[in-house]
């Protein structure tokens, strides 16, 4: 198995942060800047194709789309009521 293919398979289903990932590729595996950037783009494209977007740390509250819209509507109403007092 090729070194780049092995690294791709290790990181493809994980959350990766651009700067940290590229620095790790350079230090740990001896990639140059272009190779690290290409690997980052390849992994991002794979995640977009498989998951419909980049994998990110789970910071959301677990609300559905409708619940999020409703919460946003309530927040806007509170803000506007404070402005017009």
PDB file of N, CA and C in Angstrom:
ATOM      1  N   UNK A   1       0.846  -1.172   0.000  1.00  0.00           N
ATOM      2  CA  UNK A   1       0.000   0.000   0.000  1.00  0.00           C
ATOM      3  C   UNK A   1       0.898   1.245   0.000  1.00  0.00           C
ATOM      4  N   UNK A   2       0.526   2.208  -0.783  1.00  0.00           N
ATOM      5  CA  UNK A   2       1.257   3.463  -0.885  1.00  0.00           C
ATOM      6  C   UNK A   2       1.146   4.252   0.425  1.00  0.00           C
ATOM      7  N   UNK A   3       2.202   4.996   0.748  1.00  0.00           N
ATOM      8  CA  UNK A   3       2.236   5.789   1.982  1.00  0.00           C
ATOM      9  C   UNK A   3       1.085   6.804   2.022  1.00  0.00           C
ATOM     10  N   UNK A   4       0.860   7.493   0.898  1.00  0.00           N
ATOM     11  CA  UNK A   4      -0.205   8.497   0.857  1.00  0.00           C
ATOM     12  C   UNK A   4      -1.581   7.854   0.991  1.00  0.00           C
ATOM     13  N   UNK A   5      -1.763   6.692   0.380  1.00  0.00           N
ATOM     14  CA  UNK A   5      -3.044   5.987   0.475  1.00  0.00           C
ATOM     15  C   UNK A   5      -3.308   5.533   1.908  1.00  0.00           C
ATOM     16  N   UNK A   6      -2.268   5.072   2.592  1.00  0.00           N
ATOM     17  CA  UNK A   6      -2.407   4.637   3.977  1.00  0.00           C
ATOM     18  C   UNK A   6      -2.793   5.816   4.877  1.00  0.00           C
ATOM     19  N   UNK A   7      -2.135   6.958   4.686  1.00  0.00           N
ATOM     20  CA  UNK A   7      -2.442   8.143   5.485  1.00  0.00           C
ATOM     21  C   UNK A   7      -3.861   8.619   5.198  1.00  0.00           C
ATOM     22  N   UNK A   8      -4.254   8.594   3.928  1.00  0.00           N
ATOM     23  CA  UNK A   8      -5.616   8.970   3.561  1.00  0.00           C
ATOM     24  C   UNK A   8      -6.625   8.095   4.296  1.00  0.00           C
ATOM     25  N   UNK A   9      -6.397   6.780   4.303  1.00  0.00           N
ATOM     26  CA  UNK A   9      -7.320   5.858   4.966  1.00  0.00           C
ATOM     27  C   UNK A   9      -7.353   6.061   6.472  1.00  0.00           C
ATOM     28  N   UNK A  10      -6.250   6.510   7.061  1.00  0.00           N
ATOM     29  CA  UNK A  10      -6.217   6.761   8.501  1.00  0.00           C
ATOM     30  C   UNK A  10      -7.044   7.989   8.891  1.00  0.00           C
ATOM     31  N   UNK A  11      -7.008   9.027   8.069  1.00  0.00           N
ATOM     32  CA  UNK A  11      -7.606  10.311   8.433  1.00  0.00           C
ATOM     33  C   UNK A  11      -8.943  10.604   7.765  1.00  0.00           C
ATOM     34  N   UNK A  12      -9.362   9.816   6.800  1.00  0.00           N
ATOM     35  CA  UNK A  12     -10.515  10.183   5.977  1.00  0.00           C
ATOM     36  C   UNK A  12     -11.833  10.292   6.742  1.00  0.00           C
ATOM     37  N   UNK A  13     -12.012   9.577   7.831  1.00  0.00           N
ATOM     38  CA  UNK A  13     -13.266   9.613   8.574  1.00  0.00           C
ATOM     39  C   UNK A  13     -13.131  10.336   9.911  1.00  0.00           C
ATOM     40  N   UNK A  14     -12.116  11.174  10.031  1.00  0.00           N
ATOM     41  CA  UNK A  14     -11.892  11.930  11.263  1.00  0.00           C
ATOM     42  C   UNK A  14     -12.049  13.416  11.007  1.00  0.00           C
ATOM     43  N   UNK A  15     -12.313  14.159  12.073  1.00  0.00           N
ATOM     44  CA  UNK A  15     -12.352  15.613  11.983  1.00  0.00           C
ATOM     45  C   UNK A  15     -10.910  16.095  11.857  1.00  0.00           C
ATOM     46  N   UNK A  16     -10.648  16.911  10.837  1.00  0.00           N
ATOM     47  CA  UNK A  16      -9.300  17.443  10.663  1.00  0.00           C
ATOM     48  C   UNK A  16      -9.372  18.965  10.605  1.00  0.00           C
ATOM     49  N   UNK A  17      -8.398  19.589  11.232  1.00  0.00           N
ATOM     50  CA  UNK A  17      -8.280  21.040  11.246  1.00  0.00           C
ATOM     51  C   UNK A  17      -7.095  21.389  10.356  1.00  0.00           C
ATOM     52  N   UNK A  18      -7.284  22.299   9.443  1.00  0.00           N
ATOM     53  CA  UNK A  18      -6.337  22.584   8.372  1.00  0.00           C
ATOM     54  C   UNK A  18      -4.900  22.771   8.867  1.00  0.00           C
ATOM     55  N   UNK A  19      -4.640  23.772   9.660  1.00  0.00           N
ATOM     56  CA  UNK A  19      -3.274  24.107  10.074  1.00  0.00           C
ATOM     57  C   UNK A  19      -2.642  22.961  10.857  1.00  0.00           C
ATOM     58  N   UNK A  20      -3.370  22.424  11.804  1.00  0.00           N
ATOM     59  CA  UNK A  20      -2.853  21.346  12.636  1.00  0.00           C
ATOM     60  C   UNK A  20      -2.560  20.103  11.790  1.00  0.00           C
ATOM     61  N   UNK A  21      -3.473  19.778  10.893  1.00  0.00           N
ATOM     62  CA  UNK A  21      -3.310  18.607  10.039  1.00  0.00           C
ATOM     63  C   UNK A  21      -2.090  18.755   9.129  1.00  0.00           C
ATOM     64  N   UNK A  22      -1.969  19.908   8.481  1.00  0.00           N
ATOM     65  CA  UNK A  22      -0.855  20.127   7.552  1.00  0.00           C
ATOM     66  C   UNK A  22       0.485  20.120   8.277  1.00  0.00           C
ATOM     67  N   UNK A  23       0.538  20.725   9.454  1.00  0.00           N
ATOM     68  CA  UNK A  23       1.777  20.700  10.229  1.00  0.00           C
ATOM     69  C   UNK A  23       2.147  19.275  10.627  1.00  0.00           C
ATOM     70  N   UNK A  24       1.143  18.498  11.006  1.00  0.00           N
ATOM     71  CA  UNK A  24       1.389  17.110  11.384  1.00  0.00           C
ATOM     72  C   UNK A  24       1.897  16.289  10.194  1.00  0.00           C
ATOM     73  N   UNK A  25       1.336  16.529   9.024  1.00  0.00           N
ATOM     74  CA  UNK A  25       1.781  15.813   7.825  1.00  0.00           C
ATOM     75  C   UNK A  25       3.246  16.140   7.510  1.00  0.00           C
ATOM     76  N   UNK A  26       3.622  17.397   7.706  1.00  0.00           N
ATOM     77  CA  UNK A  26       4.994  17.816   7.417  1.00  0.00           C
ATOM     78  C   UNK A  26       5.979  17.219   8.419  1.00  0.00           C
ATOM     79  N   UNK A  27       5.625  17.279   9.701  1.00  0.00           N
ATOM     80  CA  UNK A  27       6.535  16.807  10.738  1.00  0.00           C
ATOM     81  C   UNK A  27       6.587  15.286  10.828  1.00  0.00           C
ATOM     82  N   UNK A  28       5.428  14.667  10.849  1.00  0.00           N
ATOM     83  CA  UNK A  28       5.348  13.240  11.107  1.00  0.00           C
ATOM     84  C   UNK A  28       5.696  12.387   9.885  1.00  0.00           C
ATOM     85  N   UNK A  29       5.249  12.812   8.715  1.00  0.00           N
ATOM     86  CA  UNK A  29       5.397  11.980   7.522  1.00  0.00           C
ATOM     87  C   UNK A  29       6.334  12.564   6.471  1.00  0.00           C
ATOM     88  N   UNK A  30       6.890  13.744   6.718  1.00  0.00           N
ATOM     89  CA  UNK A  30       7.858  14.326   5.817  1.00  0.00           C
ATOM     90  C   UNK A  30       7.283  14.867   4.520  1.00  0.00           C
ATOM     91  N   UNK A  31       6.023  15.267   4.528  1.00  0.00           N
ATOM     92  CA  UNK A  31       5.414  15.852   3.338  1.00  0.00           C
ATOM     93  C   UNK A  31       5.917  17.277   3.167  1.00  0.00           C
ATOM     94  N   UNK A  32       5.946  17.746   1.921  1.00  0.00           N
ATOM     95  CA  UNK A  32       6.192  19.168   1.707  1.00  0.00           C
ATOM     96  C   UNK A  32       4.841  19.878   1.760  1.00  0.00           C
ATOM     97  N   UNK A  33       4.860  21.208   1.613  1.00  0.00           N
ATOM     98  CA  UNK A  33       3.626  21.997   1.762  1.00  0.00           C
ATOM     99  C   UNK A  33       2.575  21.598   0.723  1.00  0.00           C
ATOM    100  N   UNK A  34       2.996  21.357  -0.507  1.00  0.00           N
ATOM    101  CA  UNK A  34       2.053  20.993  -1.575  1.00  0.00           C
ATOM    102  C   UNK A  34       1.400  19.637  -1.309  1.00  0.00           C
ATOM    103  N   UNK A  35       2.190  18.669  -0.878  1.00  0.00           N
ATOM    104  CA  UNK A  35       1.654  17.335  -0.608  1.00  0.00           C
ATOM    105  C   UNK A  35       0.677  17.361   0.562  1.00  0.00           C
ATOM    106  N   UNK A  36       1.005  18.119   1.613  1.00  0.00           N
ATOM    107  CA  UNK A  36       0.113  18.229   2.772  1.00  0.00           C
ATOM    108  C   UNK A  36      -1.199  18.900   2.368  1.00  0.00           C
ATOM    109  N   UNK A  37      -1.110  19.937   1.541  1.00  0.00           N
ATOM    110  CA  UNK A  37      -2.309  20.623   1.069  1.00  0.00           C
ATOM    111  C   UNK A  37      -3.162  19.706   0.195  1.00  0.00           C
ATOM    112  N   UNK A  38      -2.529  18.964  -0.696  1.00  0.00           N
ATOM    113  CA  UNK A  38      -3.260  18.031  -1.555  1.00  0.00           C
ATOM    114  C   UNK A  38      -3.973  16.951  -0.740  1.00  0.00           C
ATOM    115  N   UNK A  39      -3.307  16.458   0.297  1.00  0.00           N
ATOM    116  CA  UNK A  39      -3.916  15.435   1.150  1.00  0.00           C
ATOM    117  C   UNK A  39      -5.116  16.021   1.891  1.00  0.00           C
ATOM    118  N   UNK A  40      -4.989  17.251   2.382  1.00  0.00           N
ATOM    119  CA  UNK A  40      -6.096  17.902   3.083  1.00  0.00           C
ATOM    120  C   UNK A  40      -7.295  18.067   2.153  1.00  0.00           C
ATOM    121  N   UNK A  41      -7.048  18.525   0.933  1.00  0.00           N
ATOM    122  CA  UNK A  41      -8.124  18.711  -0.041  1.00  0.00           C
ATOM    123  C   UNK A  41      -8.755  17.372  -0.407  1.00  0.00           C
ATOM    124  N   UNK A  42      -7.942  16.358  -0.585  1.00  0.00           N
ATOM    125  CA  UNK A  42      -8.465  15.026  -0.932  1.00  0.00           C
ATOM    126  C   UNK A  42      -9.381  14.491   0.171  1.00  0.00           C
ATOM    127  N   UNK A  43      -8.972  14.656   1.418  1.00  0.00           N
ATOM    128  CA  UNK A  43      -9.789  14.185   2.538  1.00  0.00           C
ATOM    129  C   UNK A  43     -11.080  14.989   2.635  1.00  0.00           C
ATOM    130  N   UNK A  44     -10.996  16.310   2.446  1.00  0.00           N
ATOM    131  CA  UNK A  44     -12.205  17.134   2.480  1.00  0.00           C
ATOM    132  C   UNK A  44     -13.176  16.743   1.377  1.00  0.00           C
ATOM    133  N   UNK A  45     -12.675  16.527   0.181  1.00  0.00           N
ATOM    134  CA  UNK A  45     -13.537  16.115  -0.926  1.00  0.00           C
ATOM    135  C   UNK A  45     -14.202  14.773  -0.646  1.00  0.00           C
ATOM    136  N   UNK A  46     -13.459  13.848  -0.053  1.00  0.00           N
ATOM    137  CA  UNK A  46     -14.024  12.551   0.317  1.00  0.00           C
ATOM    138  C   UNK A  46     -15.150  12.738   1.339  1.00  0.00           C
ATOM    139  N   UNK A  47     -14.915  13.563   2.364  1.00  0.00           N
ATOM    140  CA  UNK A  47     -15.922  13.770   3.399  1.00  0.00           C
ATOM    141  C   UNK A  47     -17.168  14.445   2.835  1.00  0.00           C
ATOM    142  N   UNK A  48     -16.984  15.386   1.938  1.00  0.00           N
ATOM    143  CA  UNK A  48     -18.133  16.061   1.324  1.00  0.00           C
ATOM    144  C   UNK A  48     -18.937  15.071   0.499  1.00  0.00           C
ATOM    145  N   UNK A  49     -18.246  14.218  -0.237  1.00  0.00           N
ATOM    146  CA  UNK A  49     -18.934  13.230  -1.074  1.00  0.00           C
ATOM    147  C   UNK A  49     -19.668  12.197  -0.219  1.00  0.00           C
ATOM    148  N   UNK A  50     -19.020  11.722   0.852  1.00  0.00           N
ATOM    149  CA  UNK A  50     -19.615  10.667   1.678  1.00  0.00           C
ATOM    150  C   UNK A  50     -20.648  11.197   2.668  1.00  0.00           C
ATOM    151  N   UNK A  51     -20.338  12.305   3.344  1.00  0.00           N
ATOM    152  CA  UNK A  51     -21.188  12.793   4.428  1.00  0.00           C
ATOM    153  C   UNK A  51     -22.013  14.021   4.062  1.00  0.00           C
ATOM    154  N   UNK A  52     -21.757  14.601   2.908  1.00  0.00           N
ATOM    155  CA  UNK A  52     -22.491  15.792   2.503  1.00  0.00           C
ATOM    156  C   UNK A  52     -21.900  17.076   3.052  1.00  0.00           C
ATOM    157  N   UNK A  53     -20.752  17.011   3.686  1.00  0.00           N
ATOM    158  CA  UNK A  53     -20.077  18.186   4.233  1.00  0.00           C
ATOM    159  C   UNK A  53     -18.862  17.756   5.011  1.00  0.00           C
ATOM    160  N   UNK A  54     -18.049  18.738   5.384  1.00  0.00           N
ATOM    161  CA  UNK A  54     -16.877  18.418   6.192  1.00  0.00           C
ATOM    162  C   UNK A  54     -17.298  17.940   7.563  1.00  0.00           C
ATOM    163  N   UNK A  55     -16.558  17.019   8.115  1.00  0.00           N
ATOM    164  CA  UNK A  55     -16.807  16.597   9.483  1.00  0.00           C
ATOM    165  C   UNK A  55     -16.307  17.681  10.415  1.00  0.00           C
ATOM    166  N   UNK A  56     -17.116  18.020  11.412  1.00  0.00           N
ATOM    167  CA  UNK A  56     -16.767  19.066  12.357  1.00  0.00           C
ATOM    168  C   UNK A  56     -17.007  18.558  13.761  1.00  0.00           C
ATOM    169  N   UNK A  57     -16.419  19.252  14.718  1.00  0.00           N
ATOM    170  CA  UNK A  57     -16.672  18.905  16.103  1.00  0.00           C
ATOM    171  C   UNK A  57     -18.140  19.162  16.401  1.00  0.00           C
ATOM    172  N   UNK A  58     -18.756  18.328  17.204  1.00  0.00           N
ATOM    173  CA  UNK A  58     -20.189  18.392  17.474  1.00  0.00           C
ATOM    174  C   UNK A  58     -20.474  19.498  18.476  1.00  0.00           C
ATOM    175  N   UNK A  59     -20.766  20.696  17.957  1.00  0.00           N
ATOM    176  CA  UNK A  59     -21.048  21.843  18.819  1.00  0.00           C
ATOM    177  C   UNK A  59     -22.513  22.219  18.838  1.00  0.00           C
ATOM    178  N   UNK A  60     -23.337  21.542  18.086  1.00  0.00           N
ATOM    179  CA  UNK A  60     -24.742  21.930  18.038  1.00  0.00           C
ATOM    180  C   UNK A  60     -25.505  21.327  19.206  1.00  0.00           C
ATOM    181  N   UNK A  61     -26.706  21.821  19.422  1.00  0.00           N
ATOM    182  CA  UNK A  61     -27.491  21.409  20.579  1.00  0.00           C
ATOM    183  C   UNK A  61     -28.353  20.184  20.304  1.00  0.00           C
ATOM    184  N   UNK A  62     -28.322  19.670  19.104  1.00  0.00           N
ATOM    185  CA  UNK A  62     -29.107  18.492  18.778  1.00  0.00           C
ATOM    186  C   UNK A  62     -30.520  18.817  18.356  1.00  0.00           C
ATOM    187  N   UNK A  63     -30.780  20.064  17.997  1.00  0.00           N
ATOM    188  CA  UNK A  63     -32.118  20.458  17.588  1.00  0.00           C
ATOM    189  C   UNK A  63     -32.335  20.113  16.122  1.00  0.00           C
ATOM    190  N   UNK A  64     -33.586  19.816  15.786  1.00  0.00           N
ATOM    191  CA  UNK A  64     -33.920  19.610  14.383  1.00  0.00           C
ATOM    192  C   UNK A  64     -33.941  20.966  13.683  1.00  0.00           C
ATOM    193  N   UNK A  65     -34.077  20.950  12.386  1.00  0.00           N
ATOM    194  CA  UNK A  65     -34.082  22.198  11.624  1.00  0.00           C
ATOM    195  C   UNK A  65     -35.262  23.083  12.029  1.00  0.00           C
ATOM    196  N   UNK A  66     -36.426  22.469  12.221  1.00  0.00           N
ATOM    197  CA  UNK A  66     -37.611  23.226  12.607  1.00  0.00           C
ATOM    198  C   UNK A  66     -37.452  23.817  14.006  1.00  0.00           C
ATOM    199  N   UNK A  67     -36.885  23.035  14.928  1.00  0.00           N
ATOM    200  CA  UNK A  67     -36.671  23.532  16.288  1.00  0.00           C
ATOM    201  C   UNK A  67     -35.665  24.693  16.287  1.00  0.00           C
ATOM    202  N   UNK A  68     -34.637  24.585  15.453  1.00  0.00           N
ATOM    203  CA  UNK A  68     -33.658  25.668  15.352  1.00  0.00           C
ATOM    204  C   UNK A  68     -34.304  26.941  14.833  1.00  0.00           C
ATOM    205  N   UNK A  69     -35.148  26.816  13.824  1.00  0.00           N
ATOM    206  CA  UNK A  69     -35.838  27.988  13.282  1.00  0.00           C
ATOM    207  C   UNK A  69     -36.737  28.624  14.337  1.00  0.00           C
ATOM    208  N   UNK A  70     -37.433  27.795  15.105  1.00  0.00           N
ATOM    209  CA  UNK A  70     -38.319  28.295  16.143  1.00  0.00           C
ATOM    210  C   UNK A  70     -37.512  29.026  17.227  1.00  0.00           C
ATOM    211  N   UNK A  71     -36.385  28.442  17.664  1.00  0.00           N
ATOM    212  CA  UNK A  71     -35.531  29.082  18.661  1.00  0.00           C
ATOM    213  C   UNK A  71     -34.986  30.407  18.140  1.00  0.00           C
ATOM    214  N   UNK A  72     -34.614  30.442  16.859  1.00  0.00           N
ATOM    215  CA  UNK A  72     -34.117  31.670  16.248  1.00  0.00           C
ATOM    216  C   UNK A  72     -35.212  32.735  16.215  1.00  0.00           C
ATOM    217  N   UNK A  73     -36.437  32.320  15.901  1.00  0.00           N
ATOM    218  CA  UNK A  73     -37.571  33.249  15.866  1.00  0.00           C
ATOM    219  C   UNK A  73     -37.807  33.854  17.244  1.00  0.00           C
ATOM    220  N   UNK A  74     -37.773  33.035  18.290  1.00  0.00           N
ATOM    221  CA  UNK A  74     -37.965  33.536  19.648  1.00  0.00           C
ATOM    222  C   UNK A  74     -36.857  34.506  20.048  1.00  0.00           C
ATOM    223  N   UNK A  75     -35.627  34.196  19.676  1.00  0.00           N
ATOM    224  CA  UNK A  75     -34.505  35.073  19.998  1.00  0.00           C
ATOM    225  C   UNK A  75     -34.656  36.417  19.294  1.00  0.00           C
ATOM    226  N   UNK A  76     -35.083  36.397  18.047  1.00  0.00           N
ATOM    227  CA  UNK A  76     -35.304  37.645  17.309  1.00  0.00           C
ATOM    228  C   UNK A  76     -36.422  38.469  17.942  1.00  0.00           C
ATOM    229  N   UNK A  77     -37.492  37.807  18.390  1.00  0.00           N
ATOM    230  CA  UNK A  77     -38.592  38.518  19.041  1.00  0.00           C
ATOM    231  C   UNK A  77     -38.117  39.178  20.334  1.00  0.00           C
ATOM    232  N   UNK A  78     -37.319  38.469  21.119  1.00  0.00           N
ATOM    233  CA  UNK A  78     -36.795  39.048  22.365  1.00  0.00           C
ATOM    234  C   UNK A  78     -35.905  40.253  22.070  1.00  0.00           C
ATOM    235  N   UNK A  79     -35.043  40.124  21.068  1.00  0.00           N
ATOM    236  CA  UNK A  79     -34.150  41.223  20.718  1.00  0.00           C
ATOM    237  C   UNK A  79     -34.925  42.445  20.246  1.00  0.00           C
ATOM    238  N   UNK A  80     -35.926  42.222  19.402  1.00  0.00           N
ATOM    239  CA  UNK A  80     -36.714  43.343  18.899  1.00  0.00           C
ATOM    240  C   UNK A  80     -37.550  43.979  19.990  1.00  0.00           C
ATOM    241  N   UNK A  81     -38.053  43.210  20.920  1.00  0.00           N
ATOM    242  CA  UNK A  81     -38.840  43.796  22.008  1.00  0.00           C
ATOM    243  C   UNK A  81     -37.957  44.662  22.902  1.00  0.00           C
ATOM    244  N   UNK A  82     -36.699  44.307  23.098  1.00  0.00           N
ATOM    245  CA  UNK A  82     -35.785  45.123  23.880  1.00  0.00           C
ATOM    246  C   UNK A  82     -35.448  46.420  23.137  1.00  0.00           C
ATOM    247  N   UNK A  83     -35.349  46.355  21.827  1.00  0.00           N
ATOM    248  CA  UNK A  83     -35.009  47.540  21.044  1.00  0.00           C
ATOM    249  C   UNK A  83     -36.121  48.557  21.053  1.00  0.00           C
ATOM    250  N   UNK A  84     -37.369  48.112  21.076  1.00  0.00           N
ATOM    251  CA  UNK A  84     -38.514  49.011  20.916  1.00  0.00           C
ATOM    252  C   UNK A  84     -39.175  49.379  22.228  1.00  0.00           C
ATOM    253  N   UNK A  85     -38.500  49.253  23.337  1.00  0.00           N
ATOM    254  CA  UNK A  85     -39.077  49.642  24.634  1.00  0.00           C
ATOM    255  C   UNK A  85     -38.947  51.091  24.846  1.00  0.00           C
TER     256      UNK A  85
END
